[in-house]
Amino acid sequence: MSTSQKFVQIVDFETDRIDEMRALAEEGERGFAGREDAPKRRLVLRDRNRPNHYLVVVEFDSYEAAMRNSESEETGKFAEGMAALCTRQPSFTDCDVVDAAEF
């Protein structure tokens, strides 16, 4: 199934406060509710070899929606709160979805 219009951002971060990070994410998701530019899907991954290392894959309908979302006040507050819970600055990778399949 080709989904070239979709856009994904990968957030790479480290924290020893994952429960607080989860609470912050849940609060942020309530703020995104109903917004057209809101993320459509989120996948949180924990590195088996480095337990405080996480990757979050966030899917948007489009690059444009992701950019509108990143410019919002709510996203700015979330990013500040997230950075405060990290043991190093998070990094972000922007990706166009070329292909996706569900099995």
C-alpha atoms as a PDB file:
ATOM      1  CA  MET A   1       0.000   0.000   0.000  1.00  0.00           C
ATOM      2  CA  SER A   2       1.617   3.247  -1.074  1.00  0.00           C
ATOM      3  CA  THR A   3       1.231   6.167   1.333  1.00  0.00           C
ATOM      4  CA  SER A   4       3.606   8.789  -0.050  1.00  0.00           C
ATOM      5  CA  GLN A   5       1.543  11.634   1.447  1.00  0.00           C
ATOM      6  CA  LYS A   6       2.096  10.451   5.033  1.00  0.00           C
ATOM      7  CA  PHE A   7       4.884  11.938   7.127  1.00  0.00           C
ATOM      8  CA  VAL A   8       6.652  10.487  10.151  1.00  0.00           C
ATOM      9  CA  GLN A   9       8.863  12.102  12.735  1.00  0.00           C
ATOM     10  CA  ILE A  10      11.190   9.952  14.822  1.00  0.00           C
ATOM     11  CA  VAL A  11      12.130  11.355  18.226  1.00  0.00           C
ATOM     12  CA  ASP A  12      15.248   9.838  19.796  1.00  0.00           C
ATOM     13  CA  PHE A  13      15.707  10.535  23.506  1.00  0.00           C
ATOM     14  CA  GLU A  14      17.043   9.237  26.797  1.00  0.00           C
ATOM     15  CA  THR A  15      15.340   9.526  30.168  1.00  0.00           C
ATOM     16  CA  ASP A  16      15.366   7.874  33.563  1.00  0.00           C
ATOM     17  CA  ARG A  17      11.904   9.382  34.208  1.00  0.00           C
ATOM     18  CA  ILE A  18       9.782   7.426  31.737  1.00  0.00           C
ATOM     19  CA  ASP A  19       6.663   7.406  33.937  1.00  0.00           C
ATOM     20  CA  GLU A  20       6.710  11.207  34.037  1.00  0.00           C
ATOM     21  CA  MET A  21       7.326  11.244  30.283  1.00  0.00           C
ATOM     22  CA  ARG A  22       4.273   9.016  29.747  1.00  0.00           C
ATOM     23  CA  ALA A  23       2.128  11.315  31.887  1.00  0.00           C
ATOM     24  CA  LEU A  24       3.360  14.319  29.904  1.00  0.00           C
ATOM     25  CA  ALA A  25       2.560  12.526  26.619  1.00  0.00           C
ATOM     26  CA  GLU A  26      -0.959  11.661  27.802  1.00  0.00           C
ATOM     27  CA  GLU A  27      -1.549  15.286  28.767  1.00  0.00           C
ATOM     28  CA  GLY A  28      -0.213  16.423  25.395  1.00  0.00           C
ATOM     29  CA  GLU A  29      -2.489  14.026  23.539  1.00  0.00           C
ATOM     30  CA  ARG A  30      -5.514  15.520  25.268  1.00  0.00           C
ATOM     31  CA  GLY A  31      -4.383  18.929  23.983  1.00  0.00           C
ATOM     32  CA  PHE A  32      -4.114  17.586  20.424  1.00  0.00           C
ATOM     33  CA  ALA A  33      -7.605  16.070  20.466  1.00  0.00           C
ATOM     34  CA  GLY A  34      -9.750  17.270  17.605  1.00  0.00           C
ATOM     35  CA  ARG A  35      -7.022  19.286  15.894  1.00  0.00           C
ATOM     36  CA  GLU A  36      -6.726  18.664  12.169  1.00  0.00           C
ATOM     37  CA  ASP A  37      -2.912  18.841  12.315  1.00  0.00           C
ATOM     38  CA  ALA A  38      -2.658  16.446  15.264  1.00  0.00           C
ATOM     39  CA  PRO A  39      -0.559  13.311  15.064  1.00  0.00           C
ATOM     40  CA  LYS A  40      -2.546  10.312  13.850  1.00  0.00           C
ATOM     41  CA  ARG A  41      -0.471   7.554  15.410  1.00  0.00           C
ATOM     42  CA  ARG A  42       2.342   7.173  17.942  1.00  0.00           C
ATOM     43  CA  LEU A  43       4.625   4.226  18.598  1.00  0.00           C
ATOM     44  CA  VAL A  44       7.011   4.267  21.580  1.00  0.00           C
ATOM     45  CA  LEU A  45      10.036   1.964  21.458  1.00  0.00           C
ATOM     46  CA  ARG A  46      12.510   1.145  24.244  1.00  0.00           C
ATOM     47  CA  ASP A  47      16.012   0.013  23.342  1.00  0.00           C
ATOM     48  CA  ARG A  48      16.582  -3.482  24.800  1.00  0.00           C
ATOM     49  CA  ASN A  49      20.328  -2.868  25.084  1.00  0.00           C
ATOM     50  CA  ARG A  50      20.103   0.626  26.568  1.00  0.00           C
ATOM     51  CA  PRO A  51      17.025   0.684  28.845  1.00  0.00           C
ATOM     52  CA  ASN A  52      16.869   4.498  29.209  1.00  0.00           C
ATOM     53  CA  HIS A  53      17.020   5.013  25.431  1.00  0.00           C
ATOM     54  CA  TYR A  54      13.714   5.484  23.580  1.00  0.00           C
ATOM     55  CA  LEU A  55      12.461   6.173  20.078  1.00  0.00           C
ATOM     56  CA  VAL A  56       9.028   7.564  19.364  1.00  0.00           C
ATOM     57  CA  VAL A  57       7.577   7.274  15.869  1.00  0.00           C
ATOM     58  CA  VAL A  58       4.854   9.876  15.291  1.00  0.00           C
ATOM     59  CA  GLU A  59       2.720   9.692  12.143  1.00  0.00           C
ATOM     60  CA  PHE A  60       0.979  12.663  10.548  1.00  0.00           C
ATOM     61  CA  ASP A  61      -1.332  12.917   7.547  1.00  0.00           C
ATOM     62  CA  SER A  62       1.232  15.115   5.776  1.00  0.00           C
ATOM     63  CA  TYR A  63       4.433  17.096   6.174  1.00  0.00           C
ATOM     64  CA  GLU A  64       2.376  20.288   6.192  1.00  0.00           C
ATOM     65  CA  ALA A  65       0.202  19.038   9.071  1.00  0.00           C
ATOM     66  CA  ALA A  66       3.330  18.111  11.027  1.00  0.00           C
ATOM     67  CA  MET A  67       4.818  21.571  10.508  1.00  0.00           C
ATOM     68  CA  ARG A  68       1.591  23.286  11.613  1.00  0.00           C
ATOM     69  CA  ASN A  69       1.562  21.024  14.669  1.00  0.00           C
ATOM     70  CA  SER A  70       5.180  21.796  15.522  1.00  0.00           C
ATOM     71  CA  GLU A  71       4.454  25.545  15.374  1.00  0.00           C
ATOM     72  CA  SER A  72       1.557  25.325  17.846  1.00  0.00           C
ATOM     73  CA  GLU A  73       1.820  26.657  21.375  1.00  0.00           C
ATOM     74  CA  GLU A  74       0.763  23.276  22.827  1.00  0.00           C
ATOM     75  CA  THR A  75       3.567  21.475  20.997  1.00  0.00           C
ATOM     76  CA  GLY A  76       6.083  24.060  22.190  1.00  0.00           C
ATOM     77  CA  LYS A  77       5.050  23.516  25.801  1.00  0.00           C
ATOM     78  CA  PHE A  78       5.184  19.739  25.335  1.00  0.00           C
ATOM     79  CA  ALA A  79       8.698  19.960  23.832  1.00  0.00           C
ATOM     80  CA  GLU A  80       9.917  22.063  26.771  1.00  0.00           C
ATOM     81  CA  GLY A  81       8.473  19.583  29.270  1.00  0.00           C
ATOM     82  CA  MET A  82       9.958  16.657  27.384  1.00  0.00           C
ATOM     83  CA  ALA A  83      13.420  18.220  27.239  1.00  0.00           C
ATOM     84  CA  ALA A  84      13.298  18.797  31.008  1.00  0.00           C
ATOM     85  CA  LEU A  85      12.720  15.068  31.564  1.00  0.00           C
ATOM     86  CA  CYS A  86      15.524  13.941  29.256  1.00  0.00           C
ATOM     87  CA  THR A  87      19.086  13.127  30.272  1.00  0.00           C
ATOM     88  CA  ARG A  88      20.268  14.457  26.883  1.00  0.00           C
ATOM     89  CA  GLN A  89      18.652  16.684  24.285  1.00  0.00           C
ATOM     90  CA  PRO A  90      16.205  14.755  22.103  1.00  0.00           C
ATOM     91  CA  SER A  91      16.944  14.528  18.396  1.00  0.00           C
ATOM     92  CA  PHE A  92      14.377  14.542  15.597  1.00  0.00           C
ATOM     93  CA  THR A  93      14.403  12.833  12.202  1.00  0.00           C
ATOM     94  CA  ASP A  94      11.818  13.849   9.588  1.00  0.00           C
ATOM     95  CA  CYS A  95      10.732  11.139   7.142  1.00  0.00           C
ATOM     96  CA  ASP A  96       8.422  10.892   4.156  1.00  0.00           C
ATOM     97  CA  VAL A  97       6.613   7.558   4.137  1.00  0.00           C
ATOM     98  CA  VAL A  98       7.460   5.836   0.872  1.00  0.00           C
ATOM     99  CA  ASP A  99       5.613   2.583   1.511  1.00  0.00           C
ATOM    100  CA  ALA A 100       3.696   0.953   4.360  1.00  0.00           C
ATOM    101  CA  ALA A 101       2.053  -2.417   4.813  1.00  0.00           C
ATOM    102  CA  GLU A 102       0.109  -4.132   7.546  1.00  0.00           C
ATOM    103  CA  PHE A 103       0.467  -7.882   7.957  1.00  0.00           C
END
